[in-house]
Amino acid sequence: MTLRTATVSDLADIMDLERTSFPTDAWSEPMMREELLSPHAHYLVDVEAGRLLGYGGVRAVARAADADIQTITVSASARGRGRGRTLLRALLEAARQRGAREVFLEVRADNPTASALYVSEGFLEIARRPRYYQPDDVDAVVMKLDLVAWVAGHGAQTQTGGVCS
């Protein structure tokens, strides 16, 4: 597994995985393009043998106190091997480097695997947004992480140089 910064040249592969992973509420290609080009966003791709297996992004304005995980997904064939956790930790490190002290995210209430990952990294549920994900009428669980505490407890583990085994 190799993580690297996503570029616009990754857009087609990202959108293929986006549409497969989120068939009813995928981001549009223009939205994703804007995210990849934004100076306030940091997106990573997980590539193995030339194939994109995952991606994730964080919106973290430099020197702002908070950041938002925008999205993380791993292809179904590559799940269950720590790729999502590695992406999440790299995004948290990027937020820390930009000065964030707290990180927020929203996760579908019907995605217990993702929720368990976030809880295991220290995220706490702080709110719910009823029927947020449309057209599925699924609630969003809003979660928050104290990034300063997370770094104190996990920070050394994030220094993987972009490669995991």
Protein backbone atom coordinates (compact mmCIF):
# COMPACT_ATOMS: atom_id res chain seq x y z
CA MET A 1 0.00 0.00 0.00
CA THR A 2 1.32 3.40 -0.97
CA LEU A 3 -0.35 6.66 -0.06
CA ARG A 4 0.33 9.75 -2.12
CA THR A 5 -1.23 13.14 -2.64
CA ALA A 6 -4.15 12.98 -5.05
CA THR A 7 -4.06 15.08 -8.20
CA VAL A 8 -6.60 15.97 -10.87
CA SER A 9 -5.06 13.20 -12.99
CA ASP A 10 -6.55 10.76 -10.42
CA LEU A 11 -10.06 12.17 -10.89
CA ALA A 12 -11.40 9.47 -13.24
CA ASP A 13 -10.25 6.64 -10.94
CA ILE A 14 -11.53 8.47 -7.86
CA MET A 15 -14.92 8.97 -9.50
CA ASP A 16 -15.13 5.29 -10.50
CA LEU A 17 -14.59 4.28 -6.87
CA GLU A 18 -16.86 7.10 -5.61
CA ARG A 19 -19.78 5.92 -7.76
CA THR A 20 -19.22 2.28 -6.82
CA SER A 21 -18.94 3.02 -3.10
CA PHE A 22 -21.75 5.57 -2.88
CA PRO A 23 -24.21 4.65 -5.63
CA THR A 24 -27.10 6.79 -4.38
CA ASP A 25 -25.24 9.86 -3.13
CA ALA A 26 -21.88 10.04 -4.90
CA TRP A 27 -20.22 13.40 -5.23
CA SER A 28 -20.34 14.88 -8.71
CA GLU A 29 -17.19 15.06 -10.79
CA PRO A 30 -17.12 18.91 -10.67
CA MET A 31 -17.43 18.81 -6.86
CA MET A 32 -14.57 16.34 -6.55
CA ARG A 33 -12.43 18.31 -8.99
CA GLU A 34 -12.92 21.45 -6.87
CA GLU A 35 -11.94 19.51 -3.75
CA LEU A 36 -8.75 18.24 -5.38
CA LEU A 37 -7.83 21.77 -6.48
CA SER A 38 -8.74 23.55 -3.24
CA PRO A 39 -5.85 25.02 -1.25
CA HIS A 40 -7.83 24.17 1.90
CA ALA A 41 -8.17 20.46 1.15
CA HIS A 42 -5.69 17.62 1.29
CA TYR A 43 -6.61 14.43 -0.58
CA LEU A 44 -4.70 11.17 -0.63
CA VAL A 45 -4.98 8.11 -2.83
CA ASP A 46 -4.09 4.54 -1.90
CA VAL A 47 -2.44 2.89 -4.87
CA GLU A 48 -1.23 -0.68 -5.26
CA ALA A 49 0.25 -2.10 -8.46
CA GLY A 50 -0.93 0.97 -10.35
CA ARG A 51 -4.54 0.54 -9.21
CA LEU A 52 -6.40 3.04 -7.04
CA LEU A 53 -7.85 1.14 -4.08
CA GLY A 54 -8.91 4.02 -1.87
CA TYR A 55 -8.92 7.73 -1.31
CA GLY A 56 -9.73 10.23 1.38
CA GLY A 57 -9.74 13.94 1.98
CA VAL A 58 -9.65 16.46 4.77
CA ARG A 59 -10.62 20.12 4.62
CA ALA A 60 -8.23 21.96 6.91
CA VAL A 61 -7.72 25.68 6.45
CA ALA A 62 -4.18 26.57 7.53
CA ARG A 63 -4.01 27.76 11.13
CA ALA A 64 -7.73 27.15 11.74
CA ALA A 65 -8.59 25.34 14.97
CA ASP A 66 -10.78 22.73 13.32
CA ALA A 67 -10.81 20.49 10.26
CA ASP A 68 -13.33 18.20 8.57
CA ILE A 69 -12.81 14.73 7.14
CA GLN A 70 -14.65 15.06 3.84
CA THR A 71 -14.59 11.46 2.64
CA ILE A 72 -12.78 8.15 2.96
CA THR A 73 -13.44 5.04 0.96
CA VAL A 74 -11.66 1.82 0.14
CA SER A 75 -12.70 -0.54 -2.64
CA ALA A 76 -14.72 -3.52 -1.45
CA SER A 77 -11.99 -5.94 -2.54
CA ALA A 78 -9.38 -4.19 -0.38
CA ARG A 79 -11.36 -3.66 2.84
CA GLY A 80 -10.53 -5.24 6.17
CA ARG A 81 -6.77 -4.86 5.87
CA GLY A 82 -6.17 -1.53 7.62
CA ARG A 83 -6.29 0.69 4.55
CA GLY A 84 -9.11 2.86 5.89
CA ARG A 85 -7.33 3.31 9.21
CA THR A 86 -4.09 4.23 7.44
CA LEU A 87 -5.92 6.79 5.29
CA LEU A 88 -7.67 8.23 8.34
CA ARG A 89 -4.46 8.56 10.32
CA ALA A 90 -2.67 10.24 7.40
CA LEU A 91 -5.54 12.72 7.04
CA LEU A 92 -5.47 13.44 10.77
CA GLU A 93 -1.74 14.08 10.52
CA ALA A 94 -2.33 16.48 7.60
CA ALA A 95 -4.92 18.34 9.69
CA ARG A 96 -2.46 18.53 12.59
CA GLN A 97 0.24 19.91 10.32
CA ARG A 98 -2.14 22.67 9.22
CA GLY A 99 -2.77 23.61 12.86
CA ALA A 100 -6.09 21.93 13.58
CA ARG A 101 -6.87 20.99 17.17
CA GLU A 102 -10.22 19.30 16.52
CA VAL A 103 -11.48 17.21 13.63
CA PHE A 104 -15.11 16.65 12.70
CA LEU A 105 -16.80 14.20 10.35
CA GLU A 106 -20.17 12.83 9.41
CA VAL A 107 -20.81 9.15 8.90
CA ARG A 108 -23.92 7.36 7.75
CA ALA A 109 -25.81 5.85 10.67
CA ASP A 110 -26.12 2.64 8.63
CA ASN A 111 -22.34 2.21 8.32
CA PRO A 112 -21.28 0.47 11.55
CA THR A 113 -17.87 -0.51 10.15
CA ALA A 114 -16.85 3.10 9.50
CA SER A 115 -18.36 4.22 12.80
CA ALA A 116 -16.38 1.58 14.68
CA LEU A 117 -13.17 2.72 12.98
CA TYR A 118 -13.77 6.33 14.00
CA VAL A 119 -14.66 5.40 17.59
CA SER A 120 -11.53 3.22 17.83
CA GLU A 121 -9.43 6.27 16.87
CA GLY A 122 -11.10 8.43 19.55
CA PHE A 123 -13.96 10.14 17.72
CA LEU A 124 -17.07 10.79 19.83
CA GLU A 125 -20.63 11.22 18.61
CA ILE A 126 -21.76 14.79 19.24
CA ALA A 127 -24.95 15.06 17.19
CA ARG A 128 -27.21 13.49 14.60
CA ARG A 129 -28.58 15.01 11.44
CA PRO A 130 -31.88 13.27 10.68
CA ARG A 131 -32.38 12.08 7.11
CA TYR A 132 -29.17 13.83 6.01
CA TYR A 133 -28.18 11.31 3.33
CA GLN A 134 -30.61 11.49 0.45
CA PRO A 135 -32.34 9.87 -1.28
CA ASP A 136 -31.89 7.12 1.33
CA ASP A 137 -33.28 9.03 4.35
CA VAL A 138 -30.31 7.92 6.45
CA ASP A 139 -29.17 9.95 9.45
CA ALA A 140 -25.69 11.43 9.64
CA VAL A 141 -23.79 10.80 12.85
CA VAL A 142 -21.66 13.86 13.57
CA MET A 143 -18.41 12.98 15.31
CA LYS A 144 -15.56 14.98 16.83
CA LEU A 145 -11.96 14.13 17.68
CA ASP A 146 -9.69 16.02 20.07
CA LEU A 147 -6.69 16.00 17.74
CA VAL A 148 -4.25 17.20 20.40
CA ALA A 149 -5.12 14.21 22.61
CA TRP A 150 -5.06 11.87 19.62
CA VAL A 151 -1.57 13.00 18.62
CA ALA A 152 -0.37 12.51 22.20
CA GLY A 153 -1.67 8.93 22.16
CA HIS A 154 -1.18 7.91 18.52
CA GLY A 155 1.03 10.46 16.81
CA ALA A 156 4.14 8.33 16.56
CA GLN A 157 2.12 5.64 14.77
CA THR A 158 1.27 8.05 11.93
CA GLN A 159 4.88 8.42 10.81
CA THR A 160 4.79 5.62 8.25
CA GLY A 161 6.38 7.47 5.37
CA GLY A 162 3.29 6.84 3.27
CA VAL A 163 3.76 3.07 3.03
CA CYS A 164 2.13 0.35 5.06
CA SER A 165 2.28 -3.41 4.94
